[in-house]
Amino acid sequence: MEDWRKPTIQAPDDLYYVQQGPFDIPYTLSKAGSVTVEIYQGSSLVRTVLSGSQQGPGSKKAAWDGKDGSGQYVADGQYEVRMKVVDARGQQASFTSLLHVDLANVAAPQVVWFYEEMGSEVHFRLSTPATVTAEIFNEAGEKVRTIWTEHPLNAGDQVLTWDGLNDNGETVFYDDSVYTFRIAARFANGVIETTEGKIDNSADPPWLVSSLYSFTYDSYGNRTALNLSIRVTEAVTATLFVYDPYGDAYIDEKTYSLKANVETNIVYAKKDKYSDYYYLLAYKDRLGNVYVYGVDETEETGYAASYRLQKENGAKNGLKRSVN
């Protein structure tokens, strides 16, 4: 028997290339065939990634180094990835994905908090090396602090730290304050990318939809477990730290991976149901920014239904070491 089924080649409608280096172009074949993958800008061929490469059926990846035919990284802009498969009978199929190239970019959080012990840390990411200017502004839009001026930084994860002081060394941040951080990165191609966010202890990170807790009780009214119900819109990690609320002694910790747009239910069984615990739940986003919420059993009365976890702006030293 001969396979005269027409082949298909499928790929994502949109691809994003935002950091220099190797990049995999995914595609799926319904049957074996000869595959060609080319990158175009308009009608101009930028690079041939694969040319007549014999491939079997299934999910595949074409490795691209981000460069054009002359060996230079492609410029920011919109491109097309044109894919074609030809089977053994000469039957063809094609697919085109839009390729969005944005190599001059800064990824930063929309909200960070100020912690009593360590100030405010803004974890951000540069797509390529850049010189960075970082400034802090008050609610009136007045600049109060310059952290960096044309400071050279490598590509990848970076941390901007503010201690709550202005340029004169005076304390200006208080718990109900709202400040703005602004990061301006000048890249090698001359592009300047500017991003900003809030330093605001009253605001939740925008990806946190709900963060609820309740307790499980035995027949005598002792709390036997802490129940958490969490929903996020992007994947994050959550570490639960357990302390003795009277002496602050460390008792336990557990780390959980939270998936985007899925209700995550966590049950933490207490080591001692006769003791009250103090819990800190530290969320860590994809850039490394940390947001801490707490529950103190000494403040709980009666049989609690689901309540929202409370923000904790005074993180313990043990938590800081473990999360960072």
C-alpha atoms as a PDB file:
ATOM      1  CA  MET A   1       0.000   0.000   0.000  1.00  0.00           C
ATOM      2  CA  GLU A   2       1.159   3.557  -0.742  1.00  0.00           C
ATOM      3  CA  ASP A   3       0.502   6.490   1.558  1.00  0.00           C
ATOM      4  CA  TRP A   4      -1.197   9.127  -0.586  1.00  0.00           C
ATOM      5  CA  ARG A   5      -2.457  11.176   2.332  1.00  0.00           C
ATOM      6  CA  LYS A   6      -1.606  14.830   1.800  1.00  0.00           C
ATOM      7  CA  PRO A   7       1.018  15.988   4.315  1.00  0.00           C
ATOM      8  CA  THR A   8       0.474  18.853   6.750  1.00  0.00           C
ATOM      9  CA  ILE A   9       2.911  21.087   8.606  1.00  0.00           C
ATOM     10  CA  GLN A  10       1.664  23.084  11.599  1.00  0.00           C
ATOM     11  CA  ALA A  11       3.337  25.666  13.867  1.00  0.00           C
ATOM     12  CA  PRO A  12       2.347  28.485  16.263  1.00  0.00           C
ATOM     13  CA  ASP A  13       0.818  31.517  14.584  1.00  0.00           C
ATOM     14  CA  ASP A  14       3.224  33.820  16.448  1.00  0.00           C
ATOM     15  CA  LEU A  15       6.841  33.329  17.514  1.00  0.00           C
ATOM     16  CA  TYR A  16       8.785  35.744  19.740  1.00  0.00           C
ATOM     17  CA  TYR A  17      12.551  36.179  19.637  1.00  0.00           C
ATOM     18  CA  VAL A  18      13.473  38.476  22.537  1.00  0.00           C
ATOM     19  CA  GLN A  19      16.969  37.450  23.617  1.00  0.00           C
ATOM     20  CA  GLN A  20      20.080  36.868  21.518  1.00  0.00           C
ATOM     21  CA  GLY A  21      21.188  33.270  21.250  1.00  0.00           C
ATOM     22  CA  PRO A  22      19.805  29.923  20.064  1.00  0.00           C
ATOM     23  CA  PHE A  23      16.098  29.799  19.277  1.00  0.00           C
ATOM     24  CA  ASP A  24      13.992  26.750  18.420  1.00  0.00           C
ATOM     25  CA  ILE A  25      11.300  27.091  15.754  1.00  0.00           C
ATOM     26  CA  PRO A  26       8.691  24.403  16.570  1.00  0.00           C
ATOM     27  CA  TYR A  27       6.555  22.627  13.999  1.00  0.00           C
ATOM     28  CA  THR A  28       4.604  19.399  13.639  1.00  0.00           C
ATOM     29  CA  LEU A  29       4.476  17.031  10.639  1.00  0.00           C
ATOM     30  CA  SER A  30       1.608  14.665   9.926  1.00  0.00           C
ATOM     31  CA  LYS A  31       3.879  12.354   7.917  1.00  0.00           C
ATOM     32  CA  ALA A  32       7.483  12.041   6.787  1.00  0.00           C
ATOM     33  CA  GLY A  33       8.796  14.466   4.225  1.00  0.00           C
ATOM     34  CA  SER A  34      11.452  16.912   3.106  1.00  0.00           C
ATOM     35  CA  VAL A  35      11.253  20.117   5.154  1.00  0.00           C
ATOM     36  CA  THR A  36      12.384  23.632   4.279  1.00  0.00           C
ATOM     37  CA  VAL A  37      12.241  26.480   6.815  1.00  0.00           C
ATOM     38  CA  GLU A  38      13.033  30.027   5.692  1.00  0.00           C
ATOM     39  CA  ILE A  39      12.844  33.447   7.357  1.00  0.00           C
ATOM     40  CA  TYR A  40      11.631  36.399   5.301  1.00  0.00           C
ATOM     41  CA  GLN A  41      11.172  40.089   5.869  1.00  0.00           C
ATOM     42  CA  GLY A  42       8.661  41.207   3.301  1.00  0.00           C
ATOM     43  CA  SER A  43       9.755  39.626   0.022  1.00  0.00           C
ATOM     44  CA  SER A  44      13.422  39.401   1.049  1.00  0.00           C
ATOM     45  CA  LEU A  45      14.918  36.101   2.202  1.00  0.00           C
ATOM     46  CA  VAL A  46      16.756  36.695   5.470  1.00  0.00           C
ATOM     47  CA  ARG A  47      17.939  33.178   6.306  1.00  0.00           C
ATOM     48  CA  THR A  48      17.391  29.581   5.272  1.00  0.00           C
ATOM     49  CA  VAL A  49      17.207  27.555   8.480  1.00  0.00           C
ATOM     50  CA  LEU A  50      16.467  24.169   6.887  1.00  0.00           C
ATOM     51  CA  SER A  51      16.684  23.203   3.221  1.00  0.00           C
ATOM     52  CA  GLY A  52      15.213  19.900   2.071  1.00  0.00           C
ATOM     53  CA  SER A  53      15.847  18.213   5.421  1.00  0.00           C
ATOM     54  CA  GLN A  54      14.310  14.747   5.595  1.00  0.00           C
ATOM     55  CA  GLN A  55      12.127  14.517   8.714  1.00  0.00           C
ATOM     56  CA  GLY A  56       9.829  11.900  10.209  1.00  0.00           C
ATOM     57  CA  PRO A  57       6.306  12.617  11.476  1.00  0.00           C
ATOM     58  CA  GLY A  58       5.645  14.271  14.839  1.00  0.00           C
ATOM     59  CA  SER A  59       6.786  17.339  16.763  1.00  0.00           C
ATOM     60  CA  LYS A  60      10.050  18.878  15.547  1.00  0.00           C
ATOM     61  CA  LYS A  61      12.265  21.907  16.124  1.00  0.00           C
ATOM     62  CA  ALA A  62      14.416  23.851  13.699  1.00  0.00           C
ATOM     63  CA  ALA A  63      17.403  25.435  15.472  1.00  0.00           C
ATOM     64  CA  TRP A  64      18.090  29.059  14.530  1.00  0.00           C
ATOM     65  CA  ASP A  65      20.886  31.198  15.940  1.00  0.00           C
ATOM     66  CA  GLY A  66      19.064  34.510  15.484  1.00  0.00           C
ATOM     67  CA  LYS A  67      21.324  35.637  12.630  1.00  0.00           C
ATOM     68  CA  ASP A  68      20.794  36.504   8.986  1.00  0.00           C
ATOM     69  CA  GLY A  69      22.680  35.025   6.036  1.00  0.00           C
ATOM     70  CA  SER A  70      25.683  37.297   6.627  1.00  0.00           C
ATOM     71  CA  GLY A  71      26.111  36.172  10.250  1.00  0.00           C
ATOM     72  CA  GLN A  72      24.626  39.296  11.882  1.00  0.00           C
ATOM     73  CA  TYR A  73      21.827  39.260  14.410  1.00  0.00           C
ATOM     74  CA  VAL A  74      18.581  40.334  12.767  1.00  0.00           C
ATOM     75  CA  ALA A  75      17.206  43.763  13.611  1.00  0.00           C
ATOM     76  CA  ASP A  76      14.066  44.311  15.653  1.00  0.00           C
ATOM     77  CA  GLY A  77      10.901  44.038  13.602  1.00  0.00           C
ATOM     78  CA  GLN A  78       8.353  41.602  12.221  1.00  0.00           C
ATOM     79  CA  TYR A  79       9.355  38.681  10.031  1.00  0.00           C
ATOM     80  CA  GLU A  80       7.757  35.578   8.547  1.00  0.00           C
ATOM     81  CA  VAL A  81       8.860  31.999   9.066  1.00  0.00           C
ATOM     82  CA  ARG A  82       7.795  30.103   5.947  1.00  0.00           C
ATOM     83  CA  MET A  83       7.741  26.324   6.293  1.00  0.00           C
ATOM     84  CA  LYS A  84       7.178  23.721   3.577  1.00  0.00           C
ATOM     85  CA  VAL A  85       7.065  19.939   3.547  1.00  0.00           C
ATOM     86  CA  VAL A  86       7.177  17.688   0.444  1.00  0.00           C
ATOM     87  CA  ASP A  87       6.368  14.004   0.873  1.00  0.00           C
ATOM     88  CA  ALA A  88       7.696  11.052  -1.106  1.00  0.00           C
ATOM     89  CA  ARG A  89       4.874  11.444  -3.668  1.00  0.00           C
ATOM     90  CA  GLY A  90       5.698  15.085  -4.334  1.00  0.00           C
ATOM     91  CA  GLN A  91       2.693  16.360  -2.429  1.00  0.00           C
ATOM     92  CA  GLN A  92       3.312  19.664  -0.639  1.00  0.00           C
ATOM     93  CA  ALA A  93       1.994  21.614   2.326  1.00  0.00           C
ATOM     94  CA  SER A  94       3.095  24.922   3.804  1.00  0.00           C
ATOM     95  CA  PHE A  95       2.593  27.098   6.863  1.00  0.00           C
ATOM     96  CA  THR A  96       3.647  30.641   7.797  1.00  0.00           C
ATOM     97  CA  SER A  97       4.280  31.937  11.330  1.00  0.00           C
ATOM     98  CA  LEU A  98       4.791  35.585  12.253  1.00  0.00           C
ATOM     99  CA  LEU A  99       8.176  36.096  13.933  1.00  0.00           C
ATOM    100  CA  HIS A 100       8.338  39.066  16.278  1.00  0.00           C
ATOM    101  CA  VAL A 101      11.930  40.144  16.963  1.00  0.00           C
ATOM    102  CA  ASP A 102      12.442  42.453  19.950  1.00  0.00           C
ATOM    103  CA  LEU A 103      16.045  42.182  21.071  1.00  0.00           C
ATOM    104  CA  ALA A 104      16.106  45.590  22.723  1.00  0.00           C
ATOM    105  CA  ASN A 105      13.787  44.952  25.655  1.00  0.00           C
ATOM    106  CA  VAL A 106      13.537  45.110  29.420  1.00  0.00           C
ATOM    107  CA  ALA A 107      11.263  42.723  31.341  1.00  0.00           C
ATOM    108  CA  ALA A 108      10.289  44.157  34.747  1.00  0.00           C
ATOM    109  CA  PRO A 109       7.456  43.720  37.292  1.00  0.00           C
ATOM    110  CA  GLN A 110       4.519  46.098  37.495  1.00  0.00           C
ATOM    111  CA  VAL A 111       4.547  46.103  41.306  1.00  0.00           C
ATOM    112  CA  VAL A 112       7.183  45.397  43.970  1.00  0.00           C
ATOM    113  CA  TRP A 113       7.083  45.766  47.746  1.00  0.00           C
ATOM    114  CA  PHE A 114       9.304  47.468  50.288  1.00  0.00           C
ATOM    115  CA  TYR A 115      10.483  45.193  53.117  1.00  0.00           C
ATOM    116  CA  GLU A 116      11.597  46.525  56.487  1.00  0.00           C
ATOM    117  CA  GLU A 117      14.765  44.428  56.595  1.00  0.00           C
ATOM    118  CA  MET A 118      15.959  44.588  52.982  1.00  0.00           C
ATOM    119  CA  GLY A 119      14.302  47.548  51.291  1.00  0.00           C
ATOM    120  CA  SER A 120      12.868  47.165  47.827  1.00  0.00           C
ATOM    121  CA  GLU A 121      14.378  44.798  45.249  1.00  0.00           C
ATOM    122  CA  VAL A 122      13.339  45.039  41.598  1.00  0.00           C
ATOM    123  CA  HIS A 123      14.343  41.919  39.709  1.00  0.00           C
ATOM    124  CA  PHE A 124      14.356  42.601  35.969  1.00  0.00           C
ATOM    125  CA  ARG A 125      15.792  41.072  32.806  1.00  0.00           C
ATOM    126  CA  LEU A 126      17.755  42.551  29.894  1.00  0.00           C
ATOM    127  CA  SER A 127      17.528  40.852  26.509  1.00  0.00           C
ATOM    128  CA  THR A 128      21.080  41.959  25.581  1.00  0.00           C
ATOM    129  CA  PRO A 129      23.852  44.001  27.290  1.00  0.00           C
ATOM    130  CA  ALA A 130      22.914  47.623  27.886  1.00  0.00           C
ATOM    131  CA  THR A 131      23.812  50.739  29.845  1.00  0.00           C
ATOM    132  CA  VAL A 132      21.067  51.373  32.386  1.00  0.00           C
ATOM    133  CA  THR A 133      19.781  54.451  34.184  1.00  0.00           C
ATOM    134  CA  ALA A 134      17.541  53.706  37.186  1.00  0.00           C
ATOM    135  CA  GLU A 135      15.583  56.361  39.100  1.00  0.00           C
ATOM    136  CA  ILE A 136      12.948  56.571  41.845  1.00  0.00           C
ATOM    137  CA  PHE A 137      10.031  59.057  41.720  1.00  0.00           C
ATOM    138  CA  ASN A 138       7.459  60.080  44.335  1.00  0.00           C
ATOM    139  CA  GLU A 139       3.689  60.329  43.816  1.00  0.00           C
ATOM    140  CA  ALA A 140       4.049  63.915  42.570  1.00  0.00           C
ATOM    141  CA  GLY A 141       6.375  62.718  39.812  1.00  0.00           C
ATOM    142  CA  GLU A 142       9.450  64.284  41.415  1.00  0.00           C
ATOM    143  CA  LYS A 143      12.713  62.357  41.216  1.00  0.00           C
ATOM    144  CA  VAL A 144      13.964  61.510  44.713  1.00  0.00           C
ATOM    145  CA  ARG A 145      16.795  59.112  43.981  1.00  0.00           C
ATOM    146  CA  THR A 146      19.127  58.154  41.143  1.00  0.00           C
ATOM    147  CA  ILE A 147      20.384  54.592  41.617  1.00  0.00           C
ATOM    148  CA  TRP A 148      22.353  54.202  38.362  1.00  0.00           C
ATOM    149  CA  THR A 149      23.389  56.525  35.570  1.00  0.00           C
ATOM    150  CA  GLU A 150      24.455  54.833  32.300  1.00  0.00           C
ATOM    151  CA  HIS A 151      25.514  51.789  34.315  1.00  0.00           C
ATOM    152  CA  PRO A 152      26.749  48.911  32.096  1.00  0.00           C
ATOM    153  CA  LEU A 153      24.963  45.598  32.680  1.00  0.00           C
ATOM    154  CA  ASN A 154      25.110  42.210  30.991  1.00  0.00           C
ATOM    155  CA  ALA A 155      22.192  40.424  29.393  1.00  0.00           C
ATOM    156  CA  GLY A 156      20.013  38.344  31.696  1.00  0.00           C
ATOM    157  CA  ASP A 157      18.678  38.746  35.228  1.00  0.00           C
ATOM    158  CA  GLN A 158      19.542  41.892  37.178  1.00  0.00           C
ATOM    159  CA  VAL A 159      18.530  43.399  40.534  1.00  0.00           C
ATOM    160  CA  LEU A 160      17.850  47.041  41.363  1.00  0.00           C
ATOM    161  CA  THR A 161      17.846  47.762  45.120  1.00  0.00           C
ATOM    162  CA  TRP A 162      16.426  50.836  46.862  1.00  0.00           C
ATOM    163  CA  ASP A 163      16.836  51.420  50.609  1.00  0.00           C
ATOM    164  CA  GLY A 164      14.043  53.990  50.877  1.00  0.00           C
ATOM    165  CA  LEU A 165      16.405  56.975  51.039  1.00  0.00           C
ATOM    166  CA  ASN A 166      16.535  60.033  48.773  1.00  0.00           C
ATOM    167  CA  ASP A 167      19.689  61.460  47.214  1.00  0.00           C
ATOM    168  CA  ASN A 168      20.350  63.393  50.455  1.00  0.00           C
ATOM    169  CA  GLY A 169      20.279  60.231  52.583  1.00  0.00           C
ATOM    170  CA  GLU A 170      16.889  61.015  54.140  1.00  0.00           C
ATOM    171  CA  THR A 171      14.223  58.357  54.660  1.00  0.00           C
ATOM    172  CA  VAL A 172      11.302  59.022  52.344  1.00  0.00           C
ATOM    173  CA  PHE A 173       9.567  55.645  52.096  1.00  0.00           C
ATOM    174  CA  TYR A 174       6.951  54.738  54.691  1.00  0.00           C
ATOM    175  CA  ASP A 175       4.520  51.832  54.690  1.00  0.00           C
ATOM    176  CA  ASP A 176       1.691  53.794  53.039  1.00  0.00           C
ATOM    177  CA  SER A 177       3.976  55.418  50.466  1.00  0.00           C
ATOM    178  CA  VAL A 178       3.706  54.766  46.731  1.00  0.00           C
ATOM    179  CA  TYR A 179       6.798  55.344  44.618  1.00  0.00           C
ATOM    180  CA  THR A 180       7.698  54.647  41.000  1.00  0.00           C
ATOM    181  CA  PHE A 181      10.876  53.002  39.736  1.00  0.00           C
ATOM    182  CA  ARG A 182      11.974  53.787  36.196  1.00  0.00           C
ATOM    183  CA  ILE A 183      14.549  51.757  34.262  1.00  0.00           C
ATOM    184  CA  ALA A 184      15.930  53.110  30.977  1.00  0.00           C
ATOM    185  CA  ALA A 185      18.225  50.766  29.039  1.00  0.00           C
ATOM    186  CA  ARG A 186      20.348  51.918  26.107  1.00  0.00           C
ATOM    187  CA  PHE A 187      21.223  48.982  23.860  1.00  0.00           C
ATOM    188  CA  ALA A 188      24.145  48.596  21.447  1.00  0.00           C
ATOM    189  CA  ASN A 189      21.908  49.266  18.440  1.00  0.00           C
ATOM    190  CA  GLY A 190      21.050  52.709  19.884  1.00  0.00           C
ATOM    191  CA  VAL A 191      17.539  51.787  20.957  1.00  0.00           C
ATOM    192  CA  ILE A 192      16.490  53.090  24.394  1.00  0.00           C
ATOM    193  CA  GLU A 193      13.835  51.007  26.136  1.00  0.00           C
ATOM    194  CA  THR A 194      12.152  52.467  29.224  1.00  0.00           C
ATOM    195  CA  THR A 195       9.947  50.607  31.681  1.00  0.00           C
ATOM    196  CA  GLU A 196       8.538  51.510  35.065  1.00  0.00           C
ATOM    197  CA  GLY A 197       6.512  50.057  37.918  1.00  0.00           C
ATOM    198  CA  LYS A 198       5.205  50.857  41.381  1.00  0.00           C
ATOM    199  CA  ILE A 199       6.745  50.340  44.807  1.00  0.00           C
ATOM    200  CA  ASP A 200       3.479  49.905  46.646  1.00  0.00           C
ATOM    201  CA  ASN A 201       2.898  47.742  49.727  1.00  0.00           C
ATOM    202  CA  SER A 202      -0.881  48.027  49.336  1.00  0.00           C
ATOM    203  CA  ALA A 203      -0.947  46.458  45.855  1.00  0.00           C
ATOM    204  CA  ASP A 204      -0.899  42.786  44.909  1.00  0.00           C
ATOM    205  CA  PRO A 205       1.165  41.605  41.946  1.00  0.00           C
ATOM    206  CA  PRO A 206      -1.227  41.682  38.955  1.00  0.00           C
ATOM    207  CA  TRP A 207      -0.817  37.961  38.260  1.00  0.00           C
ATOM    208  CA  LEU A 208      -2.217  36.994  41.698  1.00  0.00           C
ATOM    209  CA  VAL A 209      -5.969  36.428  41.264  1.00  0.00           C
ATOM    210  CA  SER A 210      -6.766  34.852  44.644  1.00  0.00           C
ATOM    211  CA  SER A 211      -4.838  33.696  47.704  1.00  0.00           C
ATOM    212  CA  LEU A 212      -7.123  32.137  50.314  1.00  0.00           C
ATOM    213  CA  TYR A 213      -6.626  30.050  53.444  1.00  0.00           C
ATOM    214  CA  SER A 214      -8.669  27.982  55.874  1.00  0.00           C
ATOM    215  CA  PHE A 215      -7.990  25.347  58.546  1.00  0.00           C
ATOM    216  CA  THR A 216      -8.954  21.725  59.079  1.00  0.00           C
ATOM    217  CA  TYR A 217     -10.005  20.887  62.655  1.00  0.00           C
ATOM    218  CA  ASP A 218     -10.281  17.641  64.592  1.00  0.00           C
ATOM    219  CA  SER A 219     -13.321  16.803  66.717  1.00  0.00           C
ATOM    220  CA  TYR A 220     -11.806  18.658  69.684  1.00  0.00           C
ATOM    221  CA  GLY A 221     -11.284  21.928  67.800  1.00  0.00           C
ATOM    222  CA  ASN A 222      -7.542  21.557  67.260  1.00  0.00           C
ATOM    223  CA  ARG A 223      -6.188  22.826  63.970  1.00  0.00           C
ATOM    224  CA  THR A 224      -4.656  19.875  62.113  1.00  0.00           C
ATOM    225  CA  ALA A 225      -3.879  21.414  58.707  1.00  0.00           C
ATOM    226  CA  LEU A 226      -3.577  24.699  56.829  1.00  0.00           C
ATOM    227  CA  ASN A 227      -5.476  24.737  53.522  1.00  0.00           C
ATOM    228  CA  LEU A 228      -4.450  27.107  50.727  1.00  0.00           C
ATOM    229  CA  SER A 229      -6.392  27.885  47.570  1.00  0.00           C
ATOM    230  CA  ILE A 230      -4.421  29.923  45.028  1.00  0.00           C
ATOM    231  CA  ARG A 231      -4.998  31.109  41.461  1.00  0.00           C
ATOM    232  CA  VAL A 232      -2.404  32.918  39.339  1.00  0.00           C
ATOM    233  CA  THR A 233      -2.284  34.025  35.694  1.00  0.00           C
ATOM    234  CA  GLU A 234       1.388  33.140  35.176  1.00  0.00           C
ATOM    235  CA  ALA A 235       3.528  30.307  36.494  1.00  0.00           C
ATOM    236  CA  VAL A 236       5.196  31.130  39.834  1.00  0.00           C
ATOM    237  CA  THR A 237       6.684  29.260  42.758  1.00  0.00           C
ATOM    238  CA  ALA A 238       5.343  29.489  46.301  1.00  0.00           C
ATOM    239  CA  THR A 239       7.344  28.595  49.397  1.00  0.00           C
ATOM    240  CA  LEU A 240       5.538  28.079  52.686  1.00  0.00           C
ATOM    241  CA  PHE A 241       7.639  28.845  55.776  1.00  0.00           C
ATOM    242  CA  VAL A 242       6.413  27.706  59.192  1.00  0.00           C
ATOM    243  CA  TYR A 243       7.551  29.341  62.455  1.00  0.00           C
ATOM    244  CA  ASP A 244       6.836  29.259  66.173  1.00  0.00           C
ATOM    245  CA  PRO A 245       4.960  32.580  66.641  1.00  0.00           C
ATOM    246  CA  TYR A 246       6.271  33.066  70.181  1.00  0.00           C
ATOM    247  CA  GLY A 247       9.994  32.530  69.727  1.00  0.00           C
ATOM    248  CA  ASP A 248      10.195  32.877  65.925  1.00  0.00           C
ATOM    249  CA  ALA A 249      11.900  29.468  65.781  1.00  0.00           C
ATOM    250  CA  TYR A 250      11.966  27.920  62.311  1.00  0.00           C
ATOM    251  CA  ILE A 251       9.855  24.758  62.062  1.00  0.00           C
ATOM    252  CA  ASP A 252       9.404  23.750  58.432  1.00  0.00           C
ATOM    253  CA  GLU A 253       9.172  24.827  54.790  1.00  0.00           C
ATOM    254  CA  LYS A 254       7.617  23.474  51.601  1.00  0.00           C
ATOM    255  CA  THR A 255       7.894  24.698  47.997  1.00  0.00           C
ATOM    256  CA  TYR A 256       5.131  24.380  45.405  1.00  0.00           C
ATOM    257  CA  SER A 257       4.969  25.085  41.660  1.00  0.00           C
ATOM    258  CA  LEU A 258       1.844  27.008  40.653  1.00  0.00           C
ATOM    259  CA  LYS A 259       0.549  26.763  37.090  1.00  0.00           C
ATOM    260  CA  ALA A 260      -1.099  29.627  35.249  1.00  0.00           C
ATOM    261  CA  ASN A 261      -4.905  29.834  35.227  1.00  0.00           C
ATOM    262  CA  VAL A 262      -5.351  26.742  37.384  1.00  0.00           C
ATOM    263  CA  GLU A 263      -6.792  26.628  40.909  1.00  0.00           C
ATOM    264  CA  THR A 264      -4.040  25.164  43.106  1.00  0.00           C
ATOM    265  CA  ASN A 265      -5.145  23.600  46.397  1.00  0.00           C
ATOM    266  CA  ILE A 266      -2.477  22.902  49.011  1.00  0.00           C
ATOM    267  CA  VAL A 267      -2.901  21.067  52.308  1.00  0.00           C
ATOM    268  CA  TYR A 268      -0.121  21.502  54.854  1.00  0.00           C
ATOM    269  CA  ALA A 269      -0.451  18.958  57.692  1.00  0.00           C
ATOM    270  CA  LYS A 270       0.781  20.448  60.951  1.00  0.00           C
ATOM    271  CA  LYS A 271       3.595  18.701  62.789  1.00  0.00           C
ATOM    272  CA  ASP A 272       1.886  19.414  66.110  1.00  0.00           C
ATOM    273  CA  LYS A 273      -1.850  20.117  66.192  1.00  0.00           C
ATOM    274  CA  TYR A 274      -1.609  21.391  69.768  1.00  0.00           C
ATOM    275  CA  SER A 275       0.782  24.232  68.847  1.00  0.00           C
ATOM    276  CA  ASP A 276       0.005  27.517  67.126  1.00  0.00           C
ATOM    277  CA  TYR A 277       2.082  28.299  64.048  1.00  0.00           C
ATOM    278  CA  TYR A 278       3.034  31.421  62.153  1.00  0.00           C
ATOM    279  CA  TYR A 279       3.027  30.869  58.365  1.00  0.00           C
ATOM    280  CA  LEU A 280       4.704  32.935  55.665  1.00  0.00           C
ATOM    281  CA  LEU A 281       3.876  32.187  52.032  1.00  0.00           C
ATOM    282  CA  ALA A 282       6.447  33.690  49.643  1.00  0.00           C
ATOM    283  CA  TYR A 283       5.505  33.945  45.979  1.00  0.00           C
ATOM    284  CA  LYS A 284       8.381  34.253  43.514  1.00  0.00           C
ATOM    285  CA  ASP A 285       7.664  35.374  39.942  1.00  0.00           C
ATOM    286  CA  ARG A 286       9.552  34.410  36.757  1.00  0.00           C
ATOM    287  CA  LEU A 287      11.987  37.321  37.216  1.00  0.00           C
ATOM    288  CA  GLY A 288      12.751  36.587  40.877  1.00  0.00           C
ATOM    289  CA  ASN A 289      10.550  39.198  42.579  1.00  0.00           C
ATOM    290  CA  VAL A 290       9.231  38.049  45.969  1.00  0.00           C
ATOM    291  CA  TYR A 291       5.858  38.817  47.594  1.00  0.00           C
ATOM    292  CA  VAL A 292       5.222  37.524  51.128  1.00  0.00           C
ATOM    293  CA  TYR A 293       1.837  36.815  52.740  1.00  0.00           C
ATOM    294  CA  GLY A 294       1.217  35.555  56.256  1.00  0.00           C
ATOM    295  CA  VAL A 295      -1.139  33.804  58.663  1.00  0.00           C
ATOM    296  CA  ASP A 296      -0.700  33.911  62.439  1.00  0.00           C
ATOM    297  CA  GLU A 297      -2.655  31.193  64.260  1.00  0.00           C
ATOM    298  CA  THR A 298      -2.491  33.132  67.521  1.00  0.00           C
ATOM    299  CA  GLU A 299      -4.822  35.675  65.915  1.00  0.00           C
ATOM    300  CA  GLU A 300      -7.332  33.073  64.695  1.00  0.00           C
ATOM    301  CA  THR A 301     -10.572  32.586  66.642  1.00  0.00           C
ATOM    302  CA  GLY A 302     -13.250  29.970  66.056  1.00  0.00           C
ATOM    303  CA  TYR A 303     -13.737  27.928  62.926  1.00  0.00           C
ATOM    304  CA  ALA A 304     -12.490  30.111  60.093  1.00  0.00           C
ATOM    305  CA  ALA A 305     -13.920  29.969  56.611  1.00  0.00           C
ATOM    306  CA  SER A 306     -11.753  30.966  53.652  1.00  0.00           C
ATOM    307  CA  TYR A 307      -9.932  34.233  54.253  1.00  0.00           C
ATOM    308  CA  ARG A 308      -7.472  36.120  52.141  1.00  0.00           C
ATOM    309  CA  LEU A 309      -3.827  35.856  53.165  1.00  0.00           C
ATOM    310  CA  GLN A 310      -2.427  39.067  54.619  1.00  0.00           C
ATOM    311  CA  LYS A 311       0.594  40.896  53.192  1.00  0.00           C
ATOM    312  CA  GLU A 312       3.746  40.717  55.283  1.00  0.00           C
ATOM    313  CA  ASN A 313       6.261  43.519  54.698  1.00  0.00           C
ATOM    314  CA  GLY A 314       8.665  42.454  57.428  1.00  0.00           C
ATOM    315  CA  ALA A 315      10.238  39.262  56.103  1.00  0.00           C
ATOM    316  CA  LYS A 316      12.278  37.052  58.417  1.00  0.00           C
ATOM    317  CA  ASN A 317      15.990  36.486  57.787  1.00  0.00           C
ATOM    318  CA  GLY A 318      15.524  32.769  57.239  1.00  0.00           C
ATOM    319  CA  LEU A 319      12.888  33.441  54.591  1.00  0.00           C
ATOM    320  CA  LYS A 320      15.106  35.913  52.775  1.00  0.00           C
ATOM    321  CA  ARG A 321      17.992  33.430  52.601  1.00  0.00           C
ATOM    322  CA  SER A 322      15.806  30.566  51.376  1.00  0.00           C
ATOM    323  CA  VAL A 323      13.792  32.503  48.771  1.00  0.00           C
ATOM    324  CA  ASN A 324      16.723  34.395  47.327  1.00  0.00           C
END
